[in-house]
Amino acid sequence: MSLLKNSSYILTLLSLFGFLLTWQRSAFSLFFLIPIFLTLFWEFFLFLKLRKNIIKEATLIKGSLFYRISMGDFYLYIFSFF
């Protein structure tokens, strides 16, 4: 998994350098931006997925601070979808 993640970072850096070198000379330099935005989207998606898992784990523990703040199950269902 880490090898795939490292190769995506290398591809992103190469795309950034490719865009910086060709943005004034080529009309196709915008294609170098696609891997950069895909990597940013993927990292943001992983962060949201991790946050959702942490909230769900906190709601399973009845004595947790998050459960005591929400005071019931209504807020738990709402927060678990964000």
N, C-alpha and C. Protein backbone atom coordinates (compact mmCIF):
# COMPACT_ATOMS: atom_id res chain seq x y z
N MET A 1 0.82 -1.20 0.00
CA MET A 1 0.00 0.00 0.00
C MET A 1 0.86 1.26 0.00
N SER A 2 1.93 1.24 0.79
CA SER A 2 2.75 2.44 0.86
C SER A 2 3.51 2.66 -0.44
N LEU A 3 3.84 1.56 -1.16
CA LEU A 3 4.53 1.71 -2.44
C LEU A 3 3.62 2.40 -3.45
N LEU A 4 2.34 2.03 -3.45
CA LEU A 4 1.38 2.68 -4.33
C LEU A 4 1.19 4.14 -3.95
N LYS A 5 1.16 4.42 -2.67
CA LYS A 5 0.99 5.79 -2.21
C LYS A 5 2.21 6.63 -2.58
N ASN A 6 3.41 6.07 -2.41
CA ASN A 6 4.62 6.80 -2.76
C ASN A 6 4.71 7.03 -4.26
N SER A 7 4.29 6.06 -5.05
CA SER A 7 4.34 6.25 -6.50
C SER A 7 3.33 7.30 -6.96
N SER A 8 2.20 7.42 -6.26
CA SER A 8 1.25 8.47 -6.62
C SER A 8 1.80 9.84 -6.27
N TYR A 9 2.55 9.93 -5.15
CA TYR A 9 3.18 11.20 -4.80
C TYR A 9 4.26 11.58 -5.81
N ILE A 10 5.02 10.58 -6.26
CA ILE A 10 6.05 10.85 -7.26
C ILE A 10 5.41 11.30 -8.57
N LEU A 11 4.32 10.64 -8.96
CA LEU A 11 3.60 11.05 -10.17
C LEU A 11 3.06 12.47 -10.04
N THR A 12 2.59 12.81 -8.86
CA THR A 12 2.08 14.17 -8.62
C THR A 12 3.19 15.20 -8.72
N LEU A 13 4.34 14.90 -8.15
CA LEU A 13 5.47 15.83 -8.25
C LEU A 13 5.95 15.98 -9.69
N LEU A 14 6.02 14.86 -10.41
CA LEU A 14 6.42 14.94 -11.82
C LEU A 14 5.41 15.72 -12.64
N SER A 15 4.13 15.56 -12.32
CA SER A 15 3.10 16.33 -13.02
C SER A 15 3.21 17.81 -12.72
N LEU A 16 3.53 18.14 -11.49
CA LEU A 16 3.71 19.54 -11.12
C LEU A 16 4.89 20.15 -11.88
N PHE A 17 6.00 19.44 -11.92
CA PHE A 17 7.16 19.93 -12.67
C PHE A 17 6.87 20.00 -14.16
N GLY A 18 6.13 19.02 -14.68
CA GLY A 18 5.77 19.05 -16.09
C GLY A 18 4.88 20.23 -16.42
N PHE A 19 3.94 20.54 -15.54
CA PHE A 19 3.08 21.69 -15.77
C PHE A 19 3.88 22.99 -15.71
N LEU A 20 4.77 23.10 -14.72
CA LEU A 20 5.56 24.33 -14.58
C LEU A 20 6.49 24.55 -15.77
N LEU A 21 6.98 23.47 -16.36
CA LEU A 21 7.89 23.61 -17.49
C LEU A 21 7.17 23.89 -18.81
N THR A 22 5.91 23.47 -18.93
CA THR A 22 5.23 23.56 -20.23
C THR A 22 4.03 24.49 -20.24
N TRP A 23 3.74 25.21 -19.18
CA TRP A 23 2.48 25.94 -19.15
C TRP A 23 2.45 27.12 -20.11
N GLN A 24 3.58 27.63 -20.53
CA GLN A 24 3.58 28.74 -21.49
C GLN A 24 3.76 28.27 -22.92
N ARG A 25 4.23 27.06 -23.12
CA ARG A 25 4.55 26.60 -24.47
C ARG A 25 3.55 25.63 -25.07
N SER A 26 2.71 25.03 -24.27
CA SER A 26 1.85 23.98 -24.79
C SER A 26 0.40 24.21 -24.36
N ALA A 27 -0.49 23.86 -25.26
CA ALA A 27 -1.91 23.95 -24.92
C ALA A 27 -2.36 22.74 -24.11
N PHE A 28 -1.55 21.69 -24.11
CA PHE A 28 -1.90 20.46 -23.41
C PHE A 28 -1.29 20.38 -22.01
N SER A 29 -0.75 21.46 -21.54
CA SER A 29 -0.11 21.43 -20.22
C SER A 29 -1.13 21.27 -19.09
N LEU A 30 -2.39 21.58 -19.36
CA LEU A 30 -3.41 21.41 -18.32
C LEU A 30 -3.64 19.94 -17.97
N PHE A 31 -3.26 19.04 -18.86
CA PHE A 31 -3.39 17.62 -18.56
C PHE A 31 -2.45 17.19 -17.43
N PHE A 32 -1.40 17.96 -17.20
CA PHE A 32 -0.50 17.66 -16.09
C PHE A 32 -1.16 17.97 -14.74
N LEU A 33 -2.21 18.77 -14.74
CA LEU A 33 -2.87 19.12 -13.48
C LEU A 33 -3.84 18.03 -12.99
N ILE A 34 -4.23 17.13 -13.87
CA ILE A 34 -5.20 16.10 -13.49
C ILE A 34 -4.69 15.22 -12.36
N PRO A 35 -3.46 14.66 -12.43
CA PRO A 35 -3.00 13.84 -11.29
C PRO A 35 -2.85 14.63 -9.99
N ILE A 36 -2.55 15.90 -10.09
CA ILE A 36 -2.41 16.72 -8.88
C ILE A 36 -3.76 16.85 -8.17
N PHE A 37 -4.80 17.16 -8.93
CA PHE A 37 -6.12 17.31 -8.32
C PHE A 37 -6.69 15.97 -7.87
N LEU A 38 -6.38 14.89 -8.59
CA LEU A 38 -6.83 13.57 -8.15
C LEU A 38 -6.18 13.17 -6.83
N THR A 39 -4.91 13.49 -6.66
CA THR A 39 -4.23 13.18 -5.41
C THR A 39 -4.79 14.01 -4.26
N LEU A 40 -5.05 15.29 -4.51
CA LEU A 40 -5.66 16.13 -3.46
C LEU A 40 -7.05 15.62 -3.08
N PHE A 41 -7.83 15.23 -4.08
CA PHE A 41 -9.16 14.69 -3.81
C PHE A 41 -9.07 13.40 -3.01
N TRP A 42 -8.13 12.52 -3.37
CA TRP A 42 -7.99 11.24 -2.68
C TRP A 42 -7.56 11.44 -1.23
N GLU A 43 -6.63 12.36 -0.97
CA GLU A 43 -6.19 12.63 0.40
C GLU A 43 -7.33 13.22 1.23
N PHE A 44 -8.12 14.12 0.64
CA PHE A 44 -9.25 14.69 1.35
C PHE A 44 -10.31 13.63 1.64
N PHE A 45 -10.53 12.72 0.68
CA PHE A 45 -11.49 11.64 0.87
C PHE A 45 -11.04 10.71 1.99
N LEU A 46 -9.75 10.38 2.05
CA LEU A 46 -9.25 9.52 3.12
C LEU A 46 -9.37 10.20 4.48
N PHE A 47 -9.15 11.51 4.53
CA PHE A 47 -9.31 12.24 5.78
C PHE A 47 -10.76 12.20 6.26
N LEU A 48 -11.70 12.40 5.35
CA LEU A 48 -13.12 12.36 5.74
C LEU A 48 -13.54 10.96 6.17
N LYS A 49 -13.01 9.95 5.51
CA LYS A 49 -13.32 8.57 5.88
C LYS A 49 -12.77 8.25 7.27
N LEU A 50 -11.56 8.71 7.55
CA LEU A 50 -10.98 8.50 8.88
C LEU A 50 -11.79 9.22 9.95
N ARG A 51 -12.21 10.44 9.66
CA ARG A 51 -13.01 11.22 10.61
C ARG A 51 -14.34 10.53 10.90
N LYS A 52 -14.96 10.00 9.85
CA LYS A 52 -16.23 9.31 10.03
C LYS A 52 -16.05 8.05 10.88
N ASN A 53 -14.96 7.32 10.66
CA ASN A 53 -14.71 6.12 11.46
C ASN A 53 -14.44 6.46 12.92
N ILE A 54 -13.76 7.56 13.17
CA ILE A 54 -13.50 7.97 14.55
C ILE A 54 -14.80 8.35 15.25
N ILE A 55 -15.67 9.06 14.56
CA ILE A 55 -16.95 9.45 15.16
C ILE A 55 -17.82 8.22 15.42
N LYS A 56 -17.83 7.27 14.48
CA LYS A 56 -18.62 6.06 14.69
C LYS A 56 -18.07 5.25 15.85
N GLU A 57 -16.75 5.19 15.97
CA GLU A 57 -16.14 4.47 17.09
C GLU A 57 -16.47 5.14 18.41
N ALA A 58 -16.50 6.46 18.43
CA ALA A 58 -16.82 7.18 19.67
C ALA A 58 -18.28 7.01 20.04
N THR A 59 -19.15 6.83 19.06
CA THR A 59 -20.56 6.65 19.39
C THR A 59 -20.84 5.25 19.91
N LEU A 60 -19.99 4.30 19.58
CA LEU A 60 -20.20 2.95 20.09
C LEU A 60 -19.88 2.85 21.58
N ILE A 61 -18.99 3.70 22.04
CA ILE A 61 -18.63 3.70 23.45
C ILE A 61 -19.62 4.61 24.18
N LYS A 62 -20.43 4.02 25.01
CA LYS A 62 -21.52 4.77 25.65
C LYS A 62 -21.00 5.81 26.64
N GLY A 63 -19.87 5.57 27.26
CA GLY A 63 -19.37 6.51 28.26
C GLY A 63 -18.43 7.55 27.69
N SER A 64 -18.34 7.64 26.37
CA SER A 64 -17.39 8.58 25.78
C SER A 64 -17.91 10.01 25.88
N LEU A 65 -17.01 10.94 25.72
CA LEU A 65 -17.37 12.36 25.81
C LEU A 65 -18.34 12.74 24.70
N PHE A 66 -18.13 12.22 23.49
CA PHE A 66 -19.01 12.54 22.37
C PHE A 66 -20.44 12.07 22.65
N TYR A 67 -20.58 10.88 23.25
CA TYR A 67 -21.91 10.36 23.55
C TYR A 67 -22.59 11.20 24.63
N ARG A 68 -21.81 11.63 25.60
CA ARG A 68 -22.39 12.45 26.68
C ARG A 68 -22.78 13.84 26.18
N ILE A 69 -22.01 14.39 25.24
CA ILE A 69 -22.35 15.71 24.69
C ILE A 69 -23.62 15.64 23.86
N SER A 70 -23.75 14.59 23.07
CA SER A 70 -24.92 14.49 22.19
C SER A 70 -26.18 14.09 22.94
N MET A 71 -26.04 13.45 24.10
CA MET A 71 -27.18 13.08 24.97
C MET A 71 -28.25 12.27 24.24
N GLY A 72 -27.87 11.25 23.58
CA GLY A 72 -28.85 10.38 22.96
C GLY A 72 -28.45 9.94 21.58
N ASP A 73 -29.39 9.29 20.93
CA ASP A 73 -29.09 8.70 19.64
C ASP A 73 -29.42 9.59 18.45
N PHE A 74 -30.21 10.63 18.65
CA PHE A 74 -30.62 11.46 17.52
C PHE A 74 -29.43 12.13 16.86
N TYR A 75 -28.58 12.76 17.66
CA TYR A 75 -27.41 13.43 17.10
C TYR A 75 -26.40 12.43 16.56
N LEU A 76 -26.37 11.25 17.12
CA LEU A 76 -25.41 10.25 16.67
C LEU A 76 -25.69 9.84 15.23
N TYR A 77 -26.94 9.69 14.90
CA TYR A 77 -27.28 9.33 13.52
C TYR A 77 -26.93 10.46 12.55
N ILE A 78 -27.11 11.68 12.97
CA ILE A 78 -26.79 12.82 12.11
C ILE A 78 -25.29 12.93 11.92
N PHE A 79 -24.52 12.86 13.02
CA PHE A 79 -23.07 13.04 12.93
C PHE A 79 -22.38 11.89 12.22
N SER A 80 -22.95 10.70 12.23
CA SER A 80 -22.28 9.56 11.61
C SER A 80 -22.30 9.65 10.09
N PHE A 81 -23.13 10.50 9.51
CA PHE A 81 -23.17 10.63 8.06
C PHE A 81 -22.29 11.74 7.53
N PHE A 82 -21.64 12.51 8.39
CA PHE A 82 -20.79 13.61 7.93
C PHE A 82 -19.34 13.28 8.13
